[in-house]
Amino acid sequence: MENTDKRMAVIQAAMELIAENGFHGTPMSGIAKRAGVAAGTIYHYFESKDALIEATYALLEEQLLESIRQGYCEDSSVQERFLHIGRMLVSSFIVFPMKSRFIEQFHNSPYGVASRRERMLGRKNDLVSSLFEEARQQGLVKDLPLPVIFALSFGPLLLICRDHIFGLITLDDLLIEKTVQACWEALKC
């Protein structure tokens, strides 16, 4: 295995095992075994388990943003861009349930606090935060703090993705569209 292949195998194994067993239920030895590498090899790429978890999240977030950027048109209305982001988010999460479960665990753990703080307090200028700020400036959405806007828009979407993954509902294109539209309706003035 080449170095980049080994690194990706470690990240893939970490994502899968953490999605299945949580952060504390996933020892480095288990990650090494799943990745098919020696335990010491992991430390060649990541100085600690924390660094591995952060790197795994960063990769998954970038992959998610890449999928959102596909077909994203900066010239579209705020509503059309929001609907696109919502559809792509849901589609990505239901197609890749392990990624969804890892990201959900990350966001609901101490690991996710710094990332969320940067985004919510405006220290990180990303695609979604910028869109919400534009929507607020144009008076298109309720004048609420950014964390509330994120919760009203993406909280329900993440929950329906989880319910789909667990087999409680079946998301098809029509239900995804209706749900994303309902999230927009919750936000708009």
C-alpha atoms as a PDB file:
ATOM      1  CA  MET A   1       0.000   0.000   0.000  1.00  0.00           C
ATOM      2  CA  GLU A   2       1.295   3.483  -0.834  1.00  0.00           C
ATOM      3  CA  ASN A   3       1.508   6.146   1.849  1.00  0.00           C
ATOM      4  CA  THR A   4      -1.581   8.053   0.674  1.00  0.00           C
ATOM      5  CA  ASP A   5      -3.492   4.767   0.418  1.00  0.00           C
ATOM      6  CA  LYS A   6      -2.525   3.866   3.982  1.00  0.00           C
ATOM      7  CA  ARG A   7      -3.540   7.285   5.258  1.00  0.00           C
ATOM      8  CA  MET A   8      -6.914   7.040   3.514  1.00  0.00           C
ATOM      9  CA  ALA A   9      -7.400   3.470   4.776  1.00  0.00           C
ATOM     10  CA  VAL A  10      -6.833   4.714   8.334  1.00  0.00           C
ATOM     11  CA  ILE A  11      -9.309   7.570   7.869  1.00  0.00           C
ATOM     12  CA  GLN A  12     -11.890   5.239   6.318  1.00  0.00           C
ATOM     13  CA  ALA A  13     -11.486   2.733   9.157  1.00  0.00           C
ATOM     14  CA  ALA A  14     -11.754   5.492  11.776  1.00  0.00           C
ATOM     15  CA  MET A  15     -14.906   6.866  10.169  1.00  0.00           C
ATOM     16  CA  GLU A  16     -16.565   3.452   9.994  1.00  0.00           C
ATOM     17  CA  LEU A  17     -15.655   2.328  13.498  1.00  0.00           C
ATOM     18  CA  ILE A  18     -16.522   5.641  15.125  1.00  0.00           C
ATOM     19  CA  ALA A  19     -19.858   5.689  13.280  1.00  0.00           C
ATOM     20  CA  GLU A  20     -20.516   2.165  14.572  1.00  0.00           C
ATOM     21  CA  ASN A  21     -19.076   2.360  18.105  1.00  0.00           C
ATOM     22  CA  GLY A  22     -18.583   6.017  19.024  1.00  0.00           C
ATOM     23  CA  PHE A  23     -15.348   7.818  19.850  1.00  0.00           C
ATOM     24  CA  HIS A  24     -14.678   6.070  23.140  1.00  0.00           C
ATOM     25  CA  GLY A  25     -15.600   2.636  21.789  1.00  0.00           C
ATOM     26  CA  THR A  26     -13.046   2.864  19.008  1.00  0.00           C
ATOM     27  CA  PRO A  27      -9.476   2.075  20.058  1.00  0.00           C
ATOM     28  CA  MET A  28      -6.545   2.873  17.808  1.00  0.00           C
ATOM     29  CA  SER A  29      -5.759  -0.854  17.657  1.00  0.00           C
ATOM     30  CA  GLY A  30      -9.213  -1.482  16.169  1.00  0.00           C
ATOM     31  CA  ILE A  31      -8.677   1.247  13.600  1.00  0.00           C
ATOM     32  CA  ALA A  32      -5.310  -0.260  12.650  1.00  0.00           C
ATOM     33  CA  LYS A  33      -6.833  -3.712  12.295  1.00  0.00           C
ATOM     34  CA  ARG A  34      -9.729  -2.463  10.149  1.00  0.00           C
ATOM     35  CA  ALA A  35      -7.323  -0.406   7.996  1.00  0.00           C
ATOM     36  CA  GLY A  36      -4.968  -3.347   7.581  1.00  0.00           C
ATOM     37  CA  VAL A  37      -1.959  -1.465   8.929  1.00  0.00           C
ATOM     38  CA  ALA A  38       0.278  -1.750  11.974  1.00  0.00           C
ATOM     39  CA  ALA A  39      -0.827   0.335  14.957  1.00  0.00           C
ATOM     40  CA  GLY A  40       2.394   2.355  14.771  1.00  0.00           C
ATOM     41  CA  THR A  41       1.630   3.272  11.164  1.00  0.00           C
ATOM     42  CA  ILE A  42      -1.298   5.405  12.297  1.00  0.00           C
ATOM     43  CA  TYR A  43       1.060   7.583  14.326  1.00  0.00           C
ATOM     44  CA  HIS A  44       3.168   8.146  11.223  1.00  0.00           C
ATOM     45  CA  TYR A  45       0.211  10.087   9.779  1.00  0.00           C
ATOM     46  CA  PHE A  46      -1.577  11.355  12.899  1.00  0.00           C
ATOM     47  CA  GLU A  47       0.061  12.398  16.144  1.00  0.00           C
ATOM     48  CA  SER A  48      -2.915  11.255  18.241  1.00  0.00           C
ATOM     49  CA  LYS A  49      -6.414   9.847  18.103  1.00  0.00           C
ATOM     50  CA  ASP A  50      -7.713  13.403  18.442  1.00  0.00           C
ATOM     51  CA  ALA A  51      -5.714  14.457  15.365  1.00  0.00           C
ATOM     52  CA  LEU A  52      -7.106  11.463  13.450  1.00  0.00           C
ATOM     53  CA  ILE A  53     -10.666  12.358  14.418  1.00  0.00           C
ATOM     54  CA  GLU A  54     -10.159  15.999  13.406  1.00  0.00           C
ATOM     55  CA  ALA A  55      -8.589  14.962  10.068  1.00  0.00           C
ATOM     56  CA  THR A  56     -11.419  12.512   9.395  1.00  0.00           C
ATOM     57  CA  TYR A  57     -14.005  15.209  10.016  1.00  0.00           C
ATOM     58  CA  ALA A  58     -12.132  17.738   7.856  1.00  0.00           C
ATOM     59  CA  LEU A  59     -12.043  15.283   4.953  1.00  0.00           C
ATOM     60  CA  LEU A  60     -15.736  14.407   5.286  1.00  0.00           C
ATOM     61  CA  GLU A  61     -16.710  18.071   5.539  1.00  0.00           C
ATOM     62  CA  GLU A  62     -14.731  18.859   2.387  1.00  0.00           C
ATOM     63  CA  GLN A  63     -16.377  15.954   0.543  1.00  0.00           C
ATOM     64  CA  LEU A  64     -19.786  17.196   1.657  1.00  0.00           C
ATOM     65  CA  LEU A  65     -18.985  20.734   0.491  1.00  0.00           C
ATOM     66  CA  GLU A  66     -17.795  19.376  -2.858  1.00  0.00           C
ATOM     67  CA  SER A  67     -21.137  17.639  -3.363  1.00  0.00           C
ATOM     68  CA  ILE A  68     -23.006  20.808  -2.365  1.00  0.00           C
ATOM     69  CA  ARG A  69     -20.967  22.883  -4.822  1.00  0.00           C
ATOM     70  CA  GLN A  70     -22.030  20.617  -7.701  1.00  0.00           C
ATOM     71  CA  GLY A  71     -24.735  22.549  -9.488  1.00  0.00           C
ATOM     72  CA  TYR A  72     -24.601  25.407  -6.973  1.00  0.00           C
ATOM     73  CA  CYS A  73     -25.237  28.661  -8.789  1.00  0.00           C
ATOM     74  CA  GLU A  74     -24.104  31.853  -7.045  1.00  0.00           C
ATOM     75  CA  ASP A  75     -26.452  33.828  -9.331  1.00  0.00           C
ATOM     76  CA  SER A  76     -29.566  31.995  -8.105  1.00  0.00           C
ATOM     77  CA  SER A  77     -31.858  33.512  -5.512  1.00  0.00           C
ATOM     78  CA  VAL A  78     -31.123  32.955  -1.842  1.00  0.00           C
ATOM     79  CA  GLN A  79     -34.096  30.602  -1.625  1.00  0.00           C
ATOM     80  CA  GLU A  80     -32.950  28.544  -4.626  1.00  0.00           C
ATOM     81  CA  ARG A  81     -29.430  28.265  -3.182  1.00  0.00           C
ATOM     82  CA  PHE A  82     -30.805  27.228   0.214  1.00  0.00           C
ATOM     83  CA  LEU A  83     -33.012  24.575  -1.395  1.00  0.00           C
ATOM     84  CA  HIS A  84     -30.041  23.286  -3.397  1.00  0.00           C
ATOM     85  CA  ILE A  85     -27.872  23.025  -0.263  1.00  0.00           C
ATOM     86  CA  GLY A  86     -30.645  21.229   1.621  1.00  0.00           C
ATOM     87  CA  ARG A  87     -31.291  18.732  -1.173  1.00  0.00           C
ATOM     88  CA  MET A  88     -27.593  17.991  -1.600  1.00  0.00           C
ATOM     89  CA  LEU A  89     -27.060  17.638   2.146  1.00  0.00           C
ATOM     90  CA  VAL A  90     -29.893  15.128   2.486  1.00  0.00           C
ATOM     91  CA  SER A  91     -28.865  13.229  -0.646  1.00  0.00           C
ATOM     92  CA  SER A  92     -25.259  12.968   0.516  1.00  0.00           C
ATOM     93  CA  PHE A  93     -26.207  11.793   3.980  1.00  0.00           C
ATOM     94  CA  ILE A  94     -28.634   9.102   2.859  1.00  0.00           C
ATOM     95  CA  VAL A  95     -26.256   7.789   0.178  1.00  0.00           C
ATOM     96  CA  PHE A  96     -23.329   7.649   2.647  1.00  0.00           C
ATOM     97  CA  PRO A  97     -24.870   6.778   6.037  1.00  0.00           C
ATOM     98  CA  MET A  98     -21.510   6.101   7.738  1.00  0.00           C
ATOM     99  CA  LYS A  99     -20.364   9.620   6.881  1.00  0.00           C
ATOM    100  CA  SER A 100     -23.624  11.000   8.210  1.00  0.00           C
ATOM    101  CA  ARG A 101     -23.315   9.116  11.486  1.00  0.00           C
ATOM    102  CA  PHE A 102     -19.699  10.188  11.974  1.00  0.00           C
ATOM    103  CA  ILE A 103     -20.491  13.846  11.262  1.00  0.00           C
ATOM    104  CA  GLU A 104     -23.491  13.765  13.603  1.00  0.00           C
ATOM    105  CA  GLN A 105     -21.369  12.281  16.393  1.00  0.00           C
ATOM    106  CA  PHE A 106     -18.625  14.811  15.759  1.00  0.00           C
ATOM    107  CA  HIS A 107     -21.025  17.755  15.946  1.00  0.00           C
ATOM    108  CA  ASN A 108     -22.594  16.415  19.147  1.00  0.00           C
ATOM    109  CA  SER A 109     -19.288  15.928  20.921  1.00  0.00           C
ATOM    110  CA  PRO A 110     -16.600  18.134  22.423  1.00  0.00           C
ATOM    111  CA  TYR A 111     -14.690  17.682  19.147  1.00  0.00           C
ATOM    112  CA  GLY A 112     -17.347  19.633  17.289  1.00  0.00           C
ATOM    113  CA  VAL A 113     -17.529  22.567  19.702  1.00  0.00           C
ATOM    114  CA  ALA A 114     -14.605  24.532  18.240  1.00  0.00           C
ATOM    115  CA  SER A 115     -15.779  23.980  14.676  1.00  0.00           C
ATOM    116  CA  ARG A 116     -19.334  25.019  15.471  1.00  0.00           C
ATOM    117  CA  ARG A 117     -18.145  28.012  17.505  1.00  0.00           C
ATOM    118  CA  GLU A 118     -16.102  29.297  14.551  1.00  0.00           C
ATOM    119  CA  ARG A 119     -19.042  28.894  12.213  1.00  0.00           C
ATOM    120  CA  MET A 120     -21.724  30.213  14.551  1.00  0.00           C
ATOM    121  CA  LEU A 121     -19.790  33.215  15.775  1.00  0.00           C
ATOM    122  CA  GLY A 122     -18.829  34.227  12.258  1.00  0.00           C
ATOM    123  CA  ARG A 123     -15.131  33.478  12.538  1.00  0.00           C
ATOM    124  CA  LYS A 124     -15.295  31.055   9.658  1.00  0.00           C
ATOM    125  CA  ASN A 125     -16.682  32.429   6.429  1.00  0.00           C
ATOM    126  CA  ASP A 126     -18.197  29.437   4.695  1.00  0.00           C
ATOM    127  CA  LEU A 127     -20.758  28.940   1.963  1.00  0.00           C
ATOM    128  CA  VAL A 128     -23.740  28.338   4.249  1.00  0.00           C
ATOM    129  CA  SER A 129     -22.971  31.019   6.852  1.00  0.00           C
ATOM    130  CA  SER A 130     -22.486  33.543   4.040  1.00  0.00           C
ATOM    131  CA  LEU A 131     -25.806  32.539   2.481  1.00  0.00           C
ATOM    132  CA  PHE A 132     -27.642  32.966   5.785  1.00  0.00           C
ATOM    133  CA  GLU A 133     -26.019  36.340   6.374  1.00  0.00           C
ATOM    134  CA  GLU A 134     -27.055  37.462   2.883  1.00  0.00           C
ATOM    135  CA  ALA A 135     -30.607  36.259   3.572  1.00  0.00           C
ATOM    136  CA  ARG A 136     -30.727  38.208   6.852  1.00  0.00           C
ATOM    137  CA  GLN A 137     -29.387  41.373   5.223  1.00  0.00           C
ATOM    138  CA  GLN A 138     -32.064  41.137   2.525  1.00  0.00           C
ATOM    139  CA  GLY A 139     -34.773  40.596   5.148  1.00  0.00           C
ATOM    140  CA  LEU A 140     -35.664  37.197   3.687  1.00  0.00           C
ATOM    141  CA  VAL A 141     -35.299  35.215   6.899  1.00  0.00           C
ATOM    142  CA  LYS A 142     -36.208  35.877  10.486  1.00  0.00           C
ATOM    143  CA  ASP A 143     -33.747  38.016  12.397  1.00  0.00           C
ATOM    144  CA  LEU A 144     -32.455  35.261  14.626  1.00  0.00           C
ATOM    145  CA  PRO A 145     -28.975  34.363  15.837  1.00  0.00           C
ATOM    146  CA  LEU A 146     -27.024  32.193  13.416  1.00  0.00           C
ATOM    147  CA  PRO A 147     -27.152  29.093  15.678  1.00  0.00           C
ATOM    148  CA  VAL A 148     -30.964  29.281  15.664  1.00  0.00           C
ATOM    149  CA  ILE A 149     -31.051  29.651  11.889  1.00  0.00           C
ATOM    150  CA  PHE A 150     -28.776  26.613  11.524  1.00  0.00           C
ATOM    151  CA  ALA A 151     -30.957  24.621  13.945  1.00  0.00           C
ATOM    152  CA  LEU A 152     -34.214  25.512  12.181  1.00  0.00           C
ATOM    153  CA  SER A 153     -32.815  24.700   8.771  1.00  0.00           C
ATOM    154  CA  PHE A 154     -30.430  21.791   9.185  1.00  0.00           C
ATOM    155  CA  GLY A 155     -31.588  20.243  12.443  1.00  0.00           C
ATOM    156  CA  PRO A 156     -34.743  18.771  10.902  1.00  0.00           C
ATOM    157  CA  LEU A 157     -32.850  17.658   7.798  1.00  0.00           C
ATOM    158  CA  LEU A 158     -30.270  15.775   9.839  1.00  0.00           C
ATOM    159  CA  LEU A 159     -33.011  14.115  11.882  1.00  0.00           C
ATOM    160  CA  ILE A 160     -34.895  12.910   8.817  1.00  0.00           C
ATOM    161  CA  CYS A 161     -31.654  11.572   7.354  1.00  0.00           C
ATOM    162  CA  ARG A 162     -31.057   9.634  10.567  1.00  0.00           C
ATOM    163  CA  ASP A 163     -34.622   8.317  10.525  1.00  0.00           C
ATOM    164  CA  HIS A 164     -34.184   7.233   6.902  1.00  0.00           C
ATOM    165  CA  ILE A 165     -30.912   5.462   7.752  1.00  0.00           C
ATOM    166  CA  PHE A 166     -32.652   3.676  10.657  1.00  0.00           C
ATOM    167  CA  GLY A 167     -35.518   2.634   8.381  1.00  0.00           C
ATOM    168  CA  LEU A 168     -38.189   4.716  10.107  1.00  0.00           C
ATOM    169  CA  ILE A 169     -39.069   6.625   6.931  1.00  0.00           C
ATOM    170  CA  THR A 170     -38.197   6.330   3.268  1.00  0.00           C
ATOM    171  CA  LEU A 171     -36.934   9.500   1.673  1.00  0.00           C
ATOM    172  CA  ASP A 172     -37.660   9.845  -2.003  1.00  0.00           C
ATOM    173  CA  ASP A 173     -37.103  12.932  -4.148  1.00  0.00           C
ATOM    174  CA  LEU A 174     -40.594  14.321  -3.471  1.00  0.00           C
ATOM    175  CA  LEU A 175     -40.340  13.948   0.313  1.00  0.00           C
ATOM    176  CA  ILE A 176     -36.844  15.437   0.307  1.00  0.00           C
ATOM    177  CA  GLU A 177     -38.105  18.417  -1.691  1.00  0.00           C
ATOM    178  CA  LYS A 178     -41.104  18.944   0.612  1.00  0.00           C
ATOM    179  CA  THR A 179     -38.951  18.695   3.726  1.00  0.00           C
ATOM    180  CA  VAL A 180     -36.283  21.100   2.484  1.00  0.00           C
ATOM    181  CA  GLN A 181     -39.032  23.518   1.432  1.00  0.00           C
ATOM    182  CA  ALA A 182     -40.604  23.242   4.905  1.00  0.00           C
ATOM    183  CA  CYS A 183     -37.253  24.167   6.474  1.00  0.00           C
ATOM    184  CA  TRP A 184     -37.090  27.246   4.258  1.00  0.00           C
ATOM    185  CA  GLU A 185     -40.649  28.151   5.294  1.00  0.00           C
ATOM    186  CA  ALA A 186     -39.599  27.942   8.953  1.00  0.00           C
ATOM    187  CA  LEU A 187     -36.863  30.497   8.307  1.00  0.00           C
ATOM    188  CA  LYS A 188     -38.435  33.024   6.013  1.00  0.00           C
ATOM    189  CA  CYS A 189     -40.105  36.215   7.145  1.00  0.00           C
END
